[in-house]
Amino acid sequence: MFQEAIARYLQSSGYSQIQLKSVLFDMDGVLFNSMPYHADAWHKVMERHDLHLSREEAYLHEGRTGAATINIVYQRQYGKDATPEMIKSIYAEKSAEFNSNPEPERMPGAWEVLQKIKADGLVPMVVTGSGQHSLLDRLSHNFPGMFHRELMVTAFDVKYGKPHPEPYLMALQKGGVKPNEAIVVENAPMGVQAGVAAGIFTIAVNTGPINGQVLLDAGANVLFPSMQAFCDNWEKLHEAFGQINRTL
C-alpha cells in the first residue's frame, strides 16, 4: 500500500526518489489534542460578535491564520473585510478563551513516533498556523529534545497561512531540505493542501470529526485514522521509502 502511494507521488511530482531527511509536523490535532478547545473558542467568540462559525466548521478552517479565519467569516456575513483592529481584538479574545481551558494533552502516539523518527536519524520540525504562545512554549516541555525553535514555522513567520504552500516552503528552507527529502504530517484539509502544494509527500491523520475522504480529496498521499496508527505503521512506511528507492 505504501509503496503504491509513494510511486504515485514520484510519478506526479517528477522526482525520481524520496531521500528522507525530515518530518514536518503540524501541531494542533497532530502533536496536541487541542482542536476541540480551538473549535469551541472560535465558536463562542464569533457568536459574541454576531459572527457565525460552528464548531464543526472550525475544523475545516484549521491551519489558516486566525486573521484569515476571522476575515472569511466576516466577508461571508457582511460582504466586506473586517478592519485590522477588529481582527486583532477578536483574535486576542479567542486566544484568551482558548487559554482558559485545561492544558491539552499530547496526542496519543505522537511522542512515541517522534522517538522512532529521531532514532532513524531524521529531523522533526513543527509547521503550524498557530500563534498561541502557550502551545508553542509547551512543545519543549511535552516533547523534550525533539524540536528546535529556529526550525519552527508559526503564524508569526508567514504572510500566507495554509492552504498556501508558504509555511511548508519556509520549513524546507529553514531545514535546508528539498521537497523530496521530507514528508508532511497533517490532520486538516487546509494543511494537507499546503503540504501537497509545496510538493511534499503528505500524510493525513484523521484525529478530528471530519470524514477521512475529505483529507484524501485534499490530496493526502496516505491516510491514517489516528496518530497512534501512524506510529504503529512508522517502520513499514519508513521501510517503503527505502525499498522504492532501491528498486529505481
C-alpha atoms as a PDB file:
ATOM      1  CA  MET A   1       0.000   0.000   0.000  1.00  0.00           C
ATOM      2  CA  PHE A   2       2.689   2.472   0.999  1.00  0.00           C
ATOM      3  CA  GLN A   3       4.891   1.680  -1.985  1.00  0.00           C
ATOM      4  CA  GLU A   4       1.977   2.313  -4.349  1.00  0.00           C
ATOM      5  CA  ALA A   5       1.303   5.693  -2.730  1.00  0.00           C
ATOM      6  CA  ILE A   6       4.996   6.608  -2.944  1.00  0.00           C
ATOM      7  CA  ALA A   7       5.157   5.529  -6.585  1.00  0.00           C
ATOM      8  CA  ARG A   8       2.135   7.703  -7.414  1.00  0.00           C
ATOM      9  CA  TYR A   9       3.764  10.661  -5.656  1.00  0.00           C
ATOM     10  CA  LEU A  10       7.004  10.214  -7.571  1.00  0.00           C
ATOM     11  CA  GLN A  11       5.142   9.972 -10.867  1.00  0.00           C
ATOM     12  CA  SER A  12       3.076  13.114 -10.250  1.00  0.00           C
ATOM     13  CA  SER A  13       5.887  15.171  -8.707  1.00  0.00           C
ATOM     14  CA  GLY A  14       8.552  14.339 -11.255  1.00  0.00           C
ATOM     15  CA  TYR A  15      11.055  13.269  -8.593  1.00  0.00           C
ATOM     16  CA  SER A  16      12.967  10.044  -9.101  1.00  0.00           C
ATOM     17  CA  GLN A  17      13.137   9.150  -5.399  1.00  0.00           C
ATOM     18  CA  ILE A  18      12.499  10.265  -1.824  1.00  0.00           C
ATOM     19  CA  GLN A  19      15.649  10.643   0.270  1.00  0.00           C
ATOM     20  CA  LEU A  20      14.008  11.227   3.629  1.00  0.00           C
ATOM     21  CA  LYS A  21      15.770  13.682   5.942  1.00  0.00           C
ATOM     22  CA  SER A  22      12.995  15.492   7.810  1.00  0.00           C
ATOM     23  CA  VAL A  23       9.408  15.034   9.021  1.00  0.00           C
ATOM     24  CA  LEU A  24       7.284  18.187   9.135  1.00  0.00           C
ATOM     25  CA  PHE A  25       4.544  18.095  11.773  1.00  0.00           C
ATOM     26  CA  ASP A  26       1.501  20.267  12.133  1.00  0.00           C
ATOM     27  CA  MET A  27       0.877  20.985  15.812  1.00  0.00           C
ATOM     28  CA  ASP A  28      -2.818  21.289  16.765  1.00  0.00           C
ATOM     29  CA  GLY A  29      -4.575  17.970  16.294  1.00  0.00           C
ATOM     30  CA  VAL A  30      -1.297  16.215  15.447  1.00  0.00           C
ATOM     31  CA  LEU A  31       1.065  16.752  18.374  1.00  0.00           C
ATOM     32  CA  PHE A  32      -1.531  18.098  20.829  1.00  0.00           C
ATOM     33  CA  ASN A  33      -5.185  17.128  21.273  1.00  0.00           C
ATOM     34  CA  SER A  34      -6.037  20.828  21.225  1.00  0.00           C
ATOM     35  CA  MET A  35      -8.515  21.156  18.368  1.00  0.00           C
ATOM     36  CA  PRO A  36     -11.674  20.675  20.489  1.00  0.00           C
ATOM     37  CA  TYR A  37     -10.557  23.690  22.541  1.00  0.00           C
ATOM     38  CA  HIS A  38      -9.814  25.734  19.419  1.00  0.00           C
ATOM     39  CA  ALA A  39     -13.164  24.868  17.827  1.00  0.00           C
ATOM     40  CA  ASP A  40     -15.064  25.738  20.994  1.00  0.00           C
ATOM     41  CA  ALA A  41     -13.178  29.014  21.462  1.00  0.00           C
ATOM     42  CA  TRP A  42     -13.760  30.082  17.848  1.00  0.00           C
ATOM     43  CA  HIS A  43     -17.473  29.318  18.076  1.00  0.00           C
ATOM     44  CA  LYS A  44     -18.045  31.139  21.369  1.00  0.00           C
ATOM     45  CA  VAL A  45     -16.084  34.268  20.481  1.00  0.00           C
ATOM     46  CA  MET A  46     -17.558  34.570  16.993  1.00  0.00           C
ATOM     47  CA  GLU A  47     -21.085  34.375  18.450  1.00  0.00           C
ATOM     48  CA  ARG A  48     -20.275  37.169  20.888  1.00  0.00           C
ATOM     49  CA  HIS A  49     -19.510  39.344  17.881  1.00  0.00           C
ATOM     50  CA  ASP A  50     -22.632  38.226  15.961  1.00  0.00           C
ATOM     51  CA  LEU A  51     -20.479  36.162  13.622  1.00  0.00           C
ATOM     52  CA  HIS A  52     -21.378  32.561  12.915  1.00  0.00           C
ATOM     53  CA  LEU A  53     -18.793  29.784  12.874  1.00  0.00           C
ATOM     54  CA  SER A  54     -19.863  26.355  14.077  1.00  0.00           C
ATOM     55  CA  ARG A  55     -17.511  24.095  15.973  1.00  0.00           C
ATOM     56  CA  GLU A  56     -17.647  21.658  13.056  1.00  0.00           C
ATOM     57  CA  GLU A  57     -16.728  24.320  10.503  1.00  0.00           C
ATOM     58  CA  ALA A  58     -13.816  25.437  12.681  1.00  0.00           C
ATOM     59  CA  TYR A  59     -12.101  22.125  11.897  1.00  0.00           C
ATOM     60  CA  LEU A  60     -12.290  22.889   8.185  1.00  0.00           C
ATOM     61  CA  HIS A  61     -10.507  26.217   8.733  1.00  0.00           C
ATOM     62  CA  GLU A  62      -7.786  24.617  10.833  1.00  0.00           C
ATOM     63  CA  GLY A  63      -4.371  25.654   9.578  1.00  0.00           C
ATOM     64  CA  ARG A  64      -5.399  29.104   8.447  1.00  0.00           C
ATOM     65  CA  THR A  65      -4.052  32.084  10.324  1.00  0.00           C
ATOM     66  CA  GLY A  66      -6.530  33.486  12.848  1.00  0.00           C
ATOM     67  CA  ALA A  67      -6.777  36.706  10.858  1.00  0.00           C
ATOM     68  CA  ALA A  68      -7.747  34.826   7.696  1.00  0.00           C
ATOM     69  CA  THR A  69     -10.409  32.790   9.505  1.00  0.00           C
ATOM     70  CA  ILE A  70     -11.984  35.905  11.014  1.00  0.00           C
ATOM     71  CA  ASN A  71     -11.959  37.725   7.695  1.00  0.00           C
ATOM     72  CA  ILE A  72     -13.540  34.813   5.801  1.00  0.00           C
ATOM     73  CA  VAL A  73     -16.450  34.650   8.253  1.00  0.00           C
ATOM     74  CA  TYR A  74     -16.826  38.448   8.300  1.00  0.00           C
ATOM     75  CA  GLN A  75     -16.811  38.668   4.500  1.00  0.00           C
ATOM     76  CA  ARG A  76     -19.383  35.879   4.290  1.00  0.00           C
ATOM     77  CA  GLN A  77     -21.802  37.735   6.547  1.00  0.00           C
ATOM     78  CA  TYR A  78     -21.181  41.369   5.665  1.00  0.00           C
ATOM     79  CA  GLY A  79     -19.646  41.297   2.187  1.00  0.00           C
ATOM     80  CA  LYS A  80     -16.584  43.296   3.225  1.00  0.00           C
ATOM     81  CA  ASP A  81     -13.288  42.887   5.061  1.00  0.00           C
ATOM     82  CA  ALA A  82     -13.049  43.129   8.817  1.00  0.00           C
ATOM     83  CA  THR A  83     -10.884  46.017   9.997  1.00  0.00           C
ATOM     84  CA  PRO A  84      -7.385  45.238  11.292  1.00  0.00           C
ATOM     85  CA  GLU A  85      -8.470  46.497  14.716  1.00  0.00           C
ATOM     86  CA  MET A  86     -11.458  44.169  14.757  1.00  0.00           C
ATOM     87  CA  ILE A  87      -9.342  41.190  13.691  1.00  0.00           C
ATOM     88  CA  LYS A  88      -6.769  41.921  16.383  1.00  0.00           C
ATOM     89  CA  SER A  89      -9.459  42.276  19.049  1.00  0.00           C
ATOM     90  CA  ILE A  90     -11.364  39.111  18.105  1.00  0.00           C
ATOM     91  CA  TYR A  91      -8.200  37.029  17.868  1.00  0.00           C
ATOM     92  CA  ALA A  92      -6.999  38.250  21.271  1.00  0.00           C
ATOM     93  CA  GLU A  93     -10.377  37.296  22.710  1.00  0.00           C
ATOM     94  CA  LYS A  94     -10.246  33.894  21.037  1.00  0.00           C
ATOM     95  CA  SER A  95      -6.737  33.297  22.426  1.00  0.00           C
ATOM     96  CA  ALA A  96      -7.920  34.161  25.922  1.00  0.00           C
ATOM     97  CA  GLU A  97     -10.897  31.804  25.575  1.00  0.00           C
ATOM     98  CA  PHE A  98      -8.613  29.016  24.331  1.00  0.00           C
ATOM     99  CA  ASN A  99      -6.169  29.545  27.188  1.00  0.00           C
ATOM    100  CA  SER A 100      -8.976  29.296  29.770  1.00  0.00           C
ATOM    101  CA  ASN A 101      -9.157  25.555  29.045  1.00  0.00           C
ATOM    102  CA  PRO A 102      -7.053  22.913  30.793  1.00  0.00           C
ATOM    103  CA  GLU A 103      -3.726  22.236  29.119  1.00  0.00           C
ATOM    104  CA  PRO A 104      -4.262  19.979  26.103  1.00  0.00           C
ATOM    105  CA  GLU A 105      -2.713  16.537  26.303  1.00  0.00           C
ATOM    106  CA  ARG A 106      -0.197  15.091  23.878  1.00  0.00           C
ATOM    107  CA  MET A 107      -1.922  13.286  21.033  1.00  0.00           C
ATOM    108  CA  PRO A 108      -1.667   9.523  21.705  1.00  0.00           C
ATOM    109  CA  GLY A 109       1.188   8.107  19.640  1.00  0.00           C
ATOM    110  CA  ALA A 110       2.859  11.474  18.987  1.00  0.00           C
ATOM    111  CA  TRP A 111       5.700  11.132  21.496  1.00  0.00           C
ATOM    112  CA  GLU A 112       6.344   7.535  20.531  1.00  0.00           C
ATOM    113  CA  VAL A 113       6.548   8.180  16.785  1.00  0.00           C
ATOM    114  CA  LEU A 114       8.814  11.173  17.373  1.00  0.00           C
ATOM    115  CA  GLN A 115      11.205   8.927  19.272  1.00  0.00           C
ATOM    116  CA  LYS A 116      11.216   6.490  16.331  1.00  0.00           C
ATOM    117  CA  ILE A 117      11.792   9.303  13.827  1.00  0.00           C
ATOM    118  CA  LYS A 118      14.655  10.712  15.874  1.00  0.00           C
ATOM    119  CA  ALA A 119      16.195   7.253  16.257  1.00  0.00           C
ATOM    120  CA  ASP A 120      16.119   6.879  12.467  1.00  0.00           C
ATOM    121  CA  GLY A 121      18.306   9.972  12.153  1.00  0.00           C
ATOM    122  CA  LEU A 122      15.568  12.231  10.803  1.00  0.00           C
ATOM    123  CA  VAL A 123      14.918  15.841  11.854  1.00  0.00           C
ATOM    124  CA  PRO A 124      11.391  16.585  13.143  1.00  0.00           C
ATOM    125  CA  MET A 125      10.081  20.118  12.560  1.00  0.00           C
ATOM    126  CA  VAL A 126       6.872  21.950  13.520  1.00  0.00           C
ATOM    127  CA  VAL A 127       4.870  23.855  10.903  1.00  0.00           C
ATOM    128  CA  THR A 128       1.796  25.422  12.476  1.00  0.00           C
ATOM    129  CA  GLY A 129      -0.679  28.186  11.718  1.00  0.00           C
ATOM    130  CA  SER A 130      -0.943  28.760  15.447  1.00  0.00           C
ATOM    131  CA  GLY A 131       0.060  31.961  17.136  1.00  0.00           C
ATOM    132  CA  GLN A 132      -0.720  30.588  20.599  1.00  0.00           C
ATOM    133  CA  HIS A 133       2.329  31.262  22.748  1.00  0.00           C
ATOM    134  CA  SER A 134       1.027  28.826  25.362  1.00  0.00           C
ATOM    135  CA  LEU A 135       1.183  25.858  22.998  1.00  0.00           C
ATOM    136  CA  LEU A 136       4.448  26.858  21.371  1.00  0.00           C
ATOM    137  CA  ASP A 137       6.070  27.139  24.778  1.00  0.00           C
ATOM    138  CA  ARG A 138       4.776  23.703  25.761  1.00  0.00           C
ATOM    139  CA  LEU A 139       6.499  21.915  22.885  1.00  0.00           C
ATOM    140  CA  SER A 140       9.839  21.744  24.648  1.00  0.00           C
ATOM    141  CA  HIS A 141       8.157  20.609  27.874  1.00  0.00           C
ATOM    142  CA  ASN A 142       5.994  17.885  26.306  1.00  0.00           C
ATOM    143  CA  PHE A 143       8.445  16.792  23.609  1.00  0.00           C
ATOM    144  CA  PRO A 144      11.851  17.329  25.227  1.00  0.00           C
ATOM    145  CA  GLY A 145      14.774  17.388  22.836  1.00  0.00           C
ATOM    146  CA  MET A 146      12.608  16.907  19.746  1.00  0.00           C
ATOM    147  CA  PHE A 147      12.212  20.370  18.241  1.00  0.00           C
ATOM    148  CA  HIS A 148      14.492  23.342  17.732  1.00  0.00           C
ATOM    149  CA  ARG A 149      12.880  26.757  17.831  1.00  0.00           C
ATOM    150  CA  GLU A 150      14.913  28.030  14.887  1.00  0.00           C
ATOM    151  CA  LEU A 151      13.421  25.264  12.742  1.00  0.00           C
ATOM    152  CA  MET A 152       9.790  26.007  13.672  1.00  0.00           C
ATOM    153  CA  VAL A 153       7.383  27.796  11.342  1.00  0.00           C
ATOM    154  CA  THR A 154       4.453  29.540  13.085  1.00  0.00           C
ATOM    155  CA  ALA A 155       1.829  32.181  12.317  1.00  0.00           C
ATOM    156  CA  PHE A 156       4.452  34.780  13.248  1.00  0.00           C
ATOM    157  CA  ASP A 157       6.729  33.715  10.373  1.00  0.00           C
ATOM    158  CA  VAL A 158       4.443  33.678   7.352  1.00  0.00           C
ATOM    159  CA  LYS A 159       2.436  36.130   5.297  1.00  0.00           C
ATOM    160  CA  TYR A 160       0.167  33.450   3.864  1.00  0.00           C
ATOM    161  CA  GLY A 161      -1.187  30.666   6.042  1.00  0.00           C
ATOM    162  CA  LYS A 162      -2.296  27.230   4.975  1.00  0.00           C
ATOM    163  CA  PRO A 163      -3.645  26.166   2.419  1.00  0.00           C
ATOM    164  CA  HIS A 164      -0.973  28.349   0.780  1.00  0.00           C
ATOM    165  CA  PRO A 165       2.287  26.389   0.492  1.00  0.00           C
ATOM    166  CA  GLU A 166       4.356  29.183   2.092  1.00  0.00           C
ATOM    167  CA  PRO A 167       4.540  27.598   5.593  1.00  0.00           C
ATOM    168  CA  TYR A 168       5.930  24.332   4.234  1.00  0.00           C
ATOM    169  CA  LEU A 169       8.169  26.015   1.686  1.00  0.00           C
ATOM    170  CA  MET A 170       9.595  28.074   4.560  1.00  0.00           C
ATOM    171  CA  ALA A 171      10.131  24.891   6.591  1.00  0.00           C
ATOM    172  CA  LEU A 172      12.071  23.349   3.715  1.00  0.00           C
ATOM    173  CA  GLN A 173      14.192  26.490   3.527  1.00  0.00           C
ATOM    174  CA  LYS A 174      14.821  26.577   7.281  1.00  0.00           C
ATOM    175  CA  GLY A 175      15.668  22.880   7.333  1.00  0.00           C
ATOM    176  CA  GLY A 176      17.837  23.039   4.232  1.00  0.00           C
ATOM    177  CA  VAL A 177      15.922  20.205   2.577  1.00  0.00           C
ATOM    178  CA  LYS A 178      14.197  19.710  -0.765  1.00  0.00           C
ATOM    179  CA  PRO A 179      10.530  18.694  -1.194  1.00  0.00           C
ATOM    180  CA  ASN A 180      11.520  15.070  -1.888  1.00  0.00           C
ATOM    181  CA  GLU A 181      13.647  14.972   1.283  1.00  0.00           C
ATOM    182  CA  ALA A 182      10.728  15.500   3.693  1.00  0.00           C
ATOM    183  CA  ILE A 183       7.233  14.292   4.495  1.00  0.00           C
ATOM    184  CA  VAL A 184       4.345  16.242   5.998  1.00  0.00           C
ATOM    185  CA  VAL A 185       2.038  15.012   8.794  1.00  0.00           C
ATOM    186  CA  GLU A 186      -1.294  16.878   8.885  1.00  0.00           C
ATOM    187  CA  ASN A 187      -4.802  16.394  10.246  1.00  0.00           C
ATOM    188  CA  ALA A 188      -6.699  19.154   8.405  1.00  0.00           C
ATOM    189  CA  PRO A 189      -7.699  19.662   4.768  1.00  0.00           C
ATOM    190  CA  MET A 190      -6.034  23.094   4.631  1.00  0.00           C
ATOM    191  CA  GLY A 191      -2.789  21.660   5.940  1.00  0.00           C
ATOM    192  CA  VAL A 192      -2.882  18.746   3.525  1.00  0.00           C
ATOM    193  CA  GLN A 193      -3.432  21.159   0.632  1.00  0.00           C
ATOM    194  CA  ALA A 194      -0.462  23.244   1.800  1.00  0.00           C
ATOM    195  CA  GLY A 195       1.849  20.238   2.008  1.00  0.00           C
ATOM    196  CA  VAL A 196       0.789  18.967  -1.407  1.00  0.00           C
ATOM    197  CA  ALA A 197       1.129  22.435  -2.956  1.00  0.00           C
ATOM    198  CA  ALA A 198       4.682  22.588  -1.609  1.00  0.00           C
ATOM    199  CA  GLY A 199       5.432  19.363  -3.490  1.00  0.00           C
ATOM    200  CA  ILE A 200       5.931  17.226  -0.376  1.00  0.00           C
ATOM    201  CA  PHE A 201       4.669  13.680   0.272  1.00  0.00           C
ATOM    202  CA  THR A 202       1.784  14.370   2.660  1.00  0.00           C
ATOM    203  CA  ILE A 203       0.373  12.043   5.314  1.00  0.00           C
ATOM    204  CA  ALA A 204      -3.040  12.751   6.822  1.00  0.00           C
ATOM    205  CA  VAL A 205      -4.007  11.606  10.320  1.00  0.00           C
ATOM    206  CA  ASN A 206      -7.743  11.898  10.908  1.00  0.00           C
ATOM    207  CA  THR A 207      -7.850  12.979  14.546  1.00  0.00           C
ATOM    208  CA  GLY A 208     -10.995  15.120  14.277  1.00  0.00           C
ATOM    209  CA  PRO A 209     -14.689  14.717  13.402  1.00  0.00           C
ATOM    210  CA  ILE A 210     -14.377  15.179   9.634  1.00  0.00           C
ATOM    211  CA  ASN A 211     -14.791  12.380   7.098  1.00  0.00           C
ATOM    212  CA  GLY A 212     -11.449  10.890   6.114  1.00  0.00           C
ATOM    213  CA  GLN A 213     -12.381  11.197   2.451  1.00  0.00           C
ATOM    214  CA  VAL A 214     -12.134  14.977   2.833  1.00  0.00           C
ATOM    215  CA  LEU A 215      -8.432  14.583   3.617  1.00  0.00           C
ATOM    216  CA  LEU A 216      -7.897  12.285   0.642  1.00  0.00           C
ATOM    217  CA  ASP A 217      -9.781  14.713  -1.585  1.00  0.00           C
ATOM    218  CA  ALA A 218      -7.449  17.468  -0.346  1.00  0.00           C
ATOM    219  CA  GLY A 219      -4.577  15.434  -1.827  1.00  0.00           C
ATOM    220  CA  ALA A 220      -3.223  13.320   1.038  1.00  0.00           C
ATOM    221  CA  ASN A 221      -0.915  10.580  -0.238  1.00  0.00           C
ATOM    222  CA  VAL A 222      -1.634   8.308   2.749  1.00  0.00           C
ATOM    223  CA  LEU A 223      -4.415   8.418   5.356  1.00  0.00           C
ATOM    224  CA  PHE A 224      -4.210   7.044   8.907  1.00  0.00           C
ATOM    225  CA  PRO A 225      -7.182   7.042  11.316  1.00  0.00           C
ATOM    226  CA  SER A 226      -5.083   8.373  14.202  1.00  0.00           C
ATOM    227  CA  MET A 227      -1.615   9.396  15.289  1.00  0.00           C
ATOM    228  CA  GLN A 228      -1.342   6.057  17.084  1.00  0.00           C
ATOM    229  CA  ALA A 229      -1.946   4.260  13.779  1.00  0.00           C
ATOM    230  CA  PHE A 230       0.740   6.407  12.148  1.00  0.00           C
ATOM    231  CA  CYS A 231       3.111   5.483  14.964  1.00  0.00           C
ATOM    232  CA  ASP A 232       2.267   1.780  14.705  1.00  0.00           C
ATOM    233  CA  ASN A 233       2.947   1.822  10.950  1.00  0.00           C
ATOM    234  CA  TRP A 234       6.060   4.006  11.005  1.00  0.00           C
ATOM    235  CA  GLU A 235       8.525   1.160  10.484  1.00  0.00           C
ATOM    236  CA  LYS A 236       6.620  -0.171   7.450  1.00  0.00           C
ATOM    237  CA  LEU A 237       6.295   3.316   5.961  1.00  0.00           C
ATOM    238  CA  HIS A 238       9.946   4.177   6.506  1.00  0.00           C
ATOM    239  CA  GLU A 239      10.996   0.866   5.000  1.00  0.00           C
ATOM    240  CA  ALA A 240       8.741   1.505   1.985  1.00  0.00           C
ATOM    241  CA  PHE A 241      10.648   4.713   1.206  1.00  0.00           C
ATOM    242  CA  GLY A 242      13.903   2.767   1.290  1.00  0.00           C
ATOM    243  CA  GLN A 243      12.536  -0.122  -0.775  1.00  0.00           C
ATOM    244  CA  ILE A 244      11.195   2.007  -3.583  1.00  0.00           C
ATOM    245  CA  ASN A 245      14.498   3.889  -3.783  1.00  0.00           C
ATOM    246  CA  ARG A 246      16.380   0.579  -4.085  1.00  0.00           C
ATOM    247  CA  THR A 247      14.124  -0.603  -6.927  1.00  0.00           C
ATOM    248  CA  LEU A 248      14.555   2.535  -9.012  1.00  0.00           C
END
